[in-house]
Amino acid sequence: MAGSRIAPRPPGTSCVRGWRIAIAAMSSRPRGLIDTRAILALLDRADRWHGPCAEVFRELLLPLATSAAVLAELFHLLDSPQEKLAAWGFLRSGAVVVLPITSSDLPALEELMHRYDDRPMDFADATLVLLAKRESLSTIFTVDHNDFETYRIEGKQRFHIVPERSRRPLN
């Protein structure tokens, strides 16, 4: 993300239309997973995936789960204080819950990254695949279709990816 295309929002307001409606319908149990690039696309109106992601986000049951590794990746990619402020606002909204990854998860993460080393699978993606198994979640909000079409939950179950590849922007 070059420059600051993400406008900060006052606390309690949404980054996409329909946000308040979705938040009102939230449960406490995560309903799916969210990846770095989907968060970036939601926050950045200039991102080519913003439209498809914003449209799908309004339809998703919340909250979505993620990991600290995804958040580390997210904040590494943000350039300006305004972008970071917008990301913090999104995270504090309640639409996302951060689930723990502990040292006892490291062998499983290592095994996943070894299994998909032909991709290669990064650590953040490995944590999402692990969380999918542990939390019995199969829906993932991501724009990284090639990776998540390849990854399997427990080695066999496919992810349900949103937005669908058919909503991919033309440019």
C-alpha atoms as a PDB file:
ATOM      1  CA  MET A   1       0.000   0.000   0.000  1.00  0.00           C
ATOM      2  CA  ALA A   2       1.742   3.103  -1.145  1.00  0.00           C
ATOM      3  CA  GLY A   3       0.665   6.369   0.391  1.00  0.00           C
ATOM      4  CA  SER A   4      -2.336   6.720   2.632  1.00  0.00           C
ATOM      5  CA  ARG A   5      -5.485   5.665   0.790  1.00  0.00           C
ATOM      6  CA  ILE A   6      -7.204   4.450   3.913  1.00  0.00           C
ATOM      7  CA  ALA A   7      -9.170   7.151   5.634  1.00  0.00           C
ATOM      8  CA  PRO A   8      -9.452   6.794   9.403  1.00  0.00           C
ATOM      9  CA  ARG A   9     -12.958   6.481  10.792  1.00  0.00           C
ATOM     10  CA  PRO A  10     -14.207   7.716  14.128  1.00  0.00           C
ATOM     11  CA  PRO A  11     -14.664   4.951  16.722  1.00  0.00           C
ATOM     12  CA  GLY A  12     -18.035   3.236  16.415  1.00  0.00           C
ATOM     13  CA  THR A  13     -18.474   3.903  12.691  1.00  0.00           C
ATOM     14  CA  SER A  14     -18.107   1.393   9.917  1.00  0.00           C
ATOM     15  CA  CYS A  15     -15.568   1.029   7.149  1.00  0.00           C
ATOM     16  CA  VAL A  16     -18.180  -0.413   4.788  1.00  0.00           C
ATOM     17  CA  ARG A  17     -21.877   0.285   4.480  1.00  0.00           C
ATOM     18  CA  GLY A  18     -24.018  -2.195   6.380  1.00  0.00           C
ATOM     19  CA  TRP A  19     -21.416  -2.748   9.099  1.00  0.00           C
ATOM     20  CA  ARG A  20     -23.705  -1.821  11.987  1.00  0.00           C
ATOM     21  CA  ILE A  21     -26.360  -4.254  10.786  1.00  0.00           C
ATOM     22  CA  ALA A  22     -23.806  -7.057  10.610  1.00  0.00           C
ATOM     23  CA  ILE A  23     -22.386  -6.252  14.041  1.00  0.00           C
ATOM     24  CA  ALA A  24     -25.860  -6.288  15.590  1.00  0.00           C
ATOM     25  CA  ALA A  25     -26.307  -9.861  14.355  1.00  0.00           C
ATOM     26  CA  MET A  26     -22.994 -11.149  15.736  1.00  0.00           C
ATOM     27  CA  SER A  27     -22.640 -14.229  17.857  1.00  0.00           C
ATOM     28  CA  SER A  28     -19.772 -14.879  20.247  1.00  0.00           C
ATOM     29  CA  ARG A  29     -18.522 -17.944  18.354  1.00  0.00           C
ATOM     30  CA  PRO A  30     -16.415 -17.253  15.258  1.00  0.00           C
ATOM     31  CA  ARG A  31     -18.306 -18.034  12.054  1.00  0.00           C
ATOM     32  CA  GLY A  32     -15.335 -18.098   9.682  1.00  0.00           C
ATOM     33  CA  LEU A  33     -11.760 -16.953   9.240  1.00  0.00           C
ATOM     34  CA  ILE A  34     -10.298 -13.749   7.801  1.00  0.00           C
ATOM     35  CA  ASP A  35      -6.944 -13.371   6.043  1.00  0.00           C
ATOM     36  CA  THR A  36      -4.626 -10.367   5.722  1.00  0.00           C
ATOM     37  CA  ARG A  37      -5.454  -9.328   2.162  1.00  0.00           C
ATOM     38  CA  ALA A  38      -9.210  -9.386   2.825  1.00  0.00           C
ATOM     39  CA  ILE A  39      -8.733  -6.952   5.708  1.00  0.00           C
ATOM     40  CA  LEU A  40      -6.550  -4.724   3.524  1.00  0.00           C
ATOM     41  CA  ALA A  41      -9.126  -4.792   0.727  1.00  0.00           C
ATOM     42  CA  LEU A  42     -11.947  -3.873   3.116  1.00  0.00           C
ATOM     43  CA  LEU A  43     -10.029  -0.909   4.499  1.00  0.00           C
ATOM     44  CA  ASP A  44      -8.568   0.417   1.241  1.00  0.00           C
ATOM     45  CA  ARG A  45     -11.188   1.810  -1.152  1.00  0.00           C
ATOM     46  CA  ALA A  46      -8.528   1.971  -3.891  1.00  0.00           C
ATOM     47  CA  ASP A  47      -7.770  -1.762  -3.631  1.00  0.00           C
ATOM     48  CA  ARG A  48      -9.078  -3.638  -6.669  1.00  0.00           C
ATOM     49  CA  TRP A  49     -10.699  -6.201  -4.347  1.00  0.00           C
ATOM     50  CA  HIS A  50     -12.453  -3.569  -2.192  1.00  0.00           C
ATOM     51  CA  GLY A  51     -15.827  -3.785  -3.962  1.00  0.00           C
ATOM     52  CA  PRO A  52     -16.147  -7.591  -3.948  1.00  0.00           C
ATOM     53  CA  CYS A  53     -14.864  -7.811  -0.361  1.00  0.00           C
ATOM     54  CA  ALA A  54     -17.157  -5.064   0.938  1.00  0.00           C
ATOM     55  CA  GLU A  55     -20.143  -6.690  -0.762  1.00  0.00           C
ATOM     56  CA  VAL A  56     -19.418 -10.124   0.713  1.00  0.00           C
ATOM     57  CA  PHE A  57     -18.536  -8.727   4.139  1.00  0.00           C
ATOM     58  CA  ARG A  58     -22.027  -7.276   4.507  1.00  0.00           C
ATOM     59  CA  GLU A  59     -23.438 -10.814   4.064  1.00  0.00           C
ATOM     60  CA  LEU A  60     -21.078 -12.674   6.417  1.00  0.00           C
ATOM     61  CA  LEU A  61     -22.051 -13.820   9.872  1.00  0.00           C
ATOM     62  CA  LEU A  62     -19.676 -12.294  12.388  1.00  0.00           C
ATOM     63  CA  PRO A  63     -17.325 -12.436  14.138  1.00  0.00           C
ATOM     64  CA  LEU A  64     -14.556 -13.816  11.970  1.00  0.00           C
ATOM     65  CA  ALA A  65     -11.478 -15.353  13.559  1.00  0.00           C
ATOM     66  CA  THR A  66      -7.858 -14.660  12.776  1.00  0.00           C
ATOM     67  CA  SER A  67      -4.449 -15.090  14.372  1.00  0.00           C
ATOM     68  CA  ALA A  68      -1.784 -12.749  15.693  1.00  0.00           C
ATOM     69  CA  ALA A  69       0.371 -13.836  12.737  1.00  0.00           C
ATOM     70  CA  VAL A  70      -2.217 -12.391  10.339  1.00  0.00           C
ATOM     71  CA  LEU A  71      -2.269  -9.159  12.326  1.00  0.00           C
ATOM     72  CA  ALA A  72       1.541  -8.967  12.250  1.00  0.00           C
ATOM     73  CA  GLU A  73       1.395  -9.330   8.466  1.00  0.00           C
ATOM     74  CA  LEU A  74      -1.377  -6.708   8.250  1.00  0.00           C
ATOM     75  CA  PHE A  75       0.447  -4.056  10.262  1.00  0.00           C
ATOM     76  CA  HIS A  76       3.697  -4.765   8.409  1.00  0.00           C
ATOM     77  CA  LEU A  77       1.939  -3.882   5.136  1.00  0.00           C
ATOM     78  CA  LEU A  78       0.385  -0.637   6.379  1.00  0.00           C
ATOM     79  CA  ASP A  79       2.366   2.509   5.605  1.00  0.00           C
ATOM     80  CA  SER A  80       0.883   5.454   7.423  1.00  0.00           C
ATOM     81  CA  PRO A  81      -0.449   6.254  10.883  1.00  0.00           C
ATOM     82  CA  GLN A  82      -3.890   6.810   9.296  1.00  0.00           C
ATOM     83  CA  GLU A  83      -3.887   3.308   7.830  1.00  0.00           C
ATOM     84  CA  LYS A  84      -2.909   1.841  11.185  1.00  0.00           C
ATOM     85  CA  LEU A  85      -5.655   3.832  12.905  1.00  0.00           C
ATOM     86  CA  ALA A  86      -8.226   2.491  10.438  1.00  0.00           C
ATOM     87  CA  ALA A  87      -6.983  -1.073  11.000  1.00  0.00           C
ATOM     88  CA  TRP A  88      -7.218  -0.655  14.782  1.00  0.00           C
ATOM     89  CA  GLY A  89     -10.768   0.669  14.401  1.00  0.00           C
ATOM     90  CA  PHE A  90     -11.719  -2.374  12.351  1.00  0.00           C
ATOM     91  CA  LEU A  91     -10.184  -4.750  14.885  1.00  0.00           C
ATOM     92  CA  ARG A  92     -11.842  -3.026  17.861  1.00  0.00           C
ATOM     93  CA  SER A  93     -15.246  -3.161  16.148  1.00  0.00           C
ATOM     94  CA  GLY A  94     -15.827  -6.727  17.275  1.00  0.00           C
ATOM     95  CA  ALA A  95     -16.043  -8.060  13.726  1.00  0.00           C
ATOM     96  CA  VAL A  96     -12.786  -9.970  14.283  1.00  0.00           C
ATOM     97  CA  VAL A  97     -11.606 -12.115  17.165  1.00  0.00           C
ATOM     98  CA  VAL A  98      -7.972 -13.118  17.560  1.00  0.00           C
ATOM     99  CA  LEU A  99      -7.600 -16.753  18.546  1.00  0.00           C
ATOM    100  CA  PRO A 100      -4.444 -17.982  20.270  1.00  0.00           C
ATOM    101  CA  ILE A 101      -1.643 -19.974  18.759  1.00  0.00           C
ATOM    102  CA  THR A 102       0.521 -21.540  21.442  1.00  0.00           C
ATOM    103  CA  SER A 103       3.837 -23.350  21.600  1.00  0.00           C
ATOM    104  CA  SER A 104       1.933 -26.649  21.612  1.00  0.00           C
ATOM    105  CA  ASP A 105       0.673 -25.735  18.096  1.00  0.00           C
ATOM    106  CA  LEU A 106       4.184 -25.353  16.660  1.00  0.00           C
ATOM    107  CA  PRO A 107       4.668 -29.008  15.564  1.00  0.00           C
ATOM    108  CA  ALA A 108       1.355 -28.935  13.668  1.00  0.00           C
ATOM    109  CA  LEU A 109       2.278 -25.601  12.047  1.00  0.00           C
ATOM    110  CA  GLU A 110       5.672 -26.960  11.036  1.00  0.00           C
ATOM    111  CA  GLU A 111       4.029 -30.046   9.540  1.00  0.00           C
ATOM    112  CA  LEU A 112       1.545 -27.906   7.574  1.00  0.00           C
ATOM    113  CA  MET A 113       4.279 -25.646   6.204  1.00  0.00           C
ATOM    114  CA  HIS A 114       6.321 -28.718   5.225  1.00  0.00           C
ATOM    115  CA  ARG A 115       3.292 -30.333   3.523  1.00  0.00           C
ATOM    116  CA  TYR A 116       2.693 -27.201   1.418  1.00  0.00           C
ATOM    117  CA  ASP A 117       6.298 -26.112   0.906  1.00  0.00           C
ATOM    118  CA  ASP A 118       5.717 -26.222  -2.870  1.00  0.00           C
ATOM    119  CA  ARG A 119       3.377 -23.160  -2.526  1.00  0.00           C
ATOM    120  CA  PRO A 120       5.191 -22.151  -0.175  1.00  0.00           C
ATOM    121  CA  MET A 121       2.776 -21.791   2.750  1.00  0.00           C
ATOM    122  CA  ASP A 122       3.616 -18.828   4.980  1.00  0.00           C
ATOM    123  CA  PHE A 123       3.262 -18.886   8.758  1.00  0.00           C
ATOM    124  CA  ALA A 124       0.120 -16.720   8.793  1.00  0.00           C
ATOM    125  CA  ASP A 125      -1.666 -19.055   6.357  1.00  0.00           C
ATOM    126  CA  ALA A 126      -0.565 -22.068   8.409  1.00  0.00           C
ATOM    127  CA  THR A 127      -2.147 -20.548  11.518  1.00  0.00           C
ATOM    128  CA  LEU A 128      -5.443 -20.071   9.657  1.00  0.00           C
ATOM    129  CA  VAL A 129      -5.466 -23.688   8.445  1.00  0.00           C
ATOM    130  CA  LEU A 130      -4.721 -24.835  11.999  1.00  0.00           C
ATOM    131  CA  LEU A 131      -7.507 -22.629  13.410  1.00  0.00           C
ATOM    132  CA  ALA A 132      -9.910 -24.004  10.783  1.00  0.00           C
ATOM    133  CA  LYS A 133      -9.292 -27.509  12.085  1.00  0.00           C
ATOM    134  CA  ARG A 134      -9.306 -26.611  15.781  1.00  0.00           C
ATOM    135  CA  GLU A 135     -12.448 -24.414  15.614  1.00  0.00           C
ATOM    136  CA  SER A 136     -14.327 -26.490  12.986  1.00  0.00           C
ATOM    137  CA  LEU A 137     -14.438 -23.551  10.545  1.00  0.00           C
ATOM    138  CA  SER A 138     -14.388 -24.008   6.785  1.00  0.00           C
ATOM    139  CA  THR A 139     -15.309 -20.516   5.509  1.00  0.00           C
ATOM    140  CA  ILE A 140     -12.398 -18.172   4.864  1.00  0.00           C
ATOM    141  CA  PHE A 141     -12.626 -14.552   3.791  1.00  0.00           C
ATOM    142  CA  THR A 142      -9.582 -14.123   1.563  1.00  0.00           C
ATOM    143  CA  VAL A 143      -8.525 -12.979  -1.890  1.00  0.00           C
ATOM    144  CA  ASP A 144      -5.702 -15.552  -1.974  1.00  0.00           C
ATOM    145  CA  HIS A 145      -7.701 -18.129  -3.890  1.00  0.00           C
ATOM    146  CA  ASN A 146      -4.749 -20.066  -5.300  1.00  0.00           C
ATOM    147  CA  ASP A 147      -3.405 -20.850  -1.840  1.00  0.00           C
ATOM    148  CA  PHE A 148      -6.657 -21.602  -0.044  1.00  0.00           C
ATOM    149  CA  GLU A 149      -7.996 -23.678  -2.950  1.00  0.00           C
ATOM    150  CA  THR A 150      -4.916 -25.859  -2.418  1.00  0.00           C
ATOM    151  CA  TYR A 151      -4.907 -26.065   1.387  1.00  0.00           C
ATOM    152  CA  ARG A 152      -7.054 -28.699   3.062  1.00  0.00           C
ATOM    153  CA  ILE A 153      -8.485 -28.840   6.564  1.00  0.00           C
ATOM    154  CA  GLU A 154      -7.177 -32.021   8.199  1.00  0.00           C
ATOM    155  CA  GLY A 155      -5.672 -32.937   4.835  1.00  0.00           C
ATOM    156  CA  LYS A 156      -9.011 -33.503   3.102  1.00  0.00           C
ATOM    157  CA  GLN A 157     -11.754 -30.857   3.552  1.00  0.00           C
ATOM    158  CA  ARG A 158     -11.746 -27.903   1.163  1.00  0.00           C
ATOM    159  CA  PHE A 159     -12.212 -24.326   2.319  1.00  0.00           C
ATOM    160  CA  HIS A 160     -15.297 -22.370   1.338  1.00  0.00           C
ATOM    161  CA  ILE A 161     -13.640 -19.195   0.009  1.00  0.00           C
ATOM    162  CA  VAL A 162     -15.367 -15.812  -0.057  1.00  0.00           C
ATOM    163  CA  PRO A 163     -15.491 -13.737  -2.123  1.00  0.00           C
ATOM    164  CA  GLU A 164     -15.724 -16.379  -4.813  1.00  0.00           C
ATOM    165  CA  ARG A 165     -13.201 -16.352  -7.641  1.00  0.00           C
ATOM    166  CA  SER A 166     -16.012 -15.337 -10.023  1.00  0.00           C
ATOM    167  CA  ARG A 167     -16.201 -11.949  -8.237  1.00  0.00           C
ATOM    168  CA  ARG A 168     -12.549 -11.266  -9.062  1.00  0.00           C
ATOM    169  CA  PRO A 169     -11.992  -7.706 -10.302  1.00  0.00           C
ATOM    170  CA  LEU A 170     -11.140  -7.343 -13.974  1.00  0.00           C
ATOM    171  CA  ASN A 171      -8.095  -5.091 -13.534  1.00  0.00           C
END
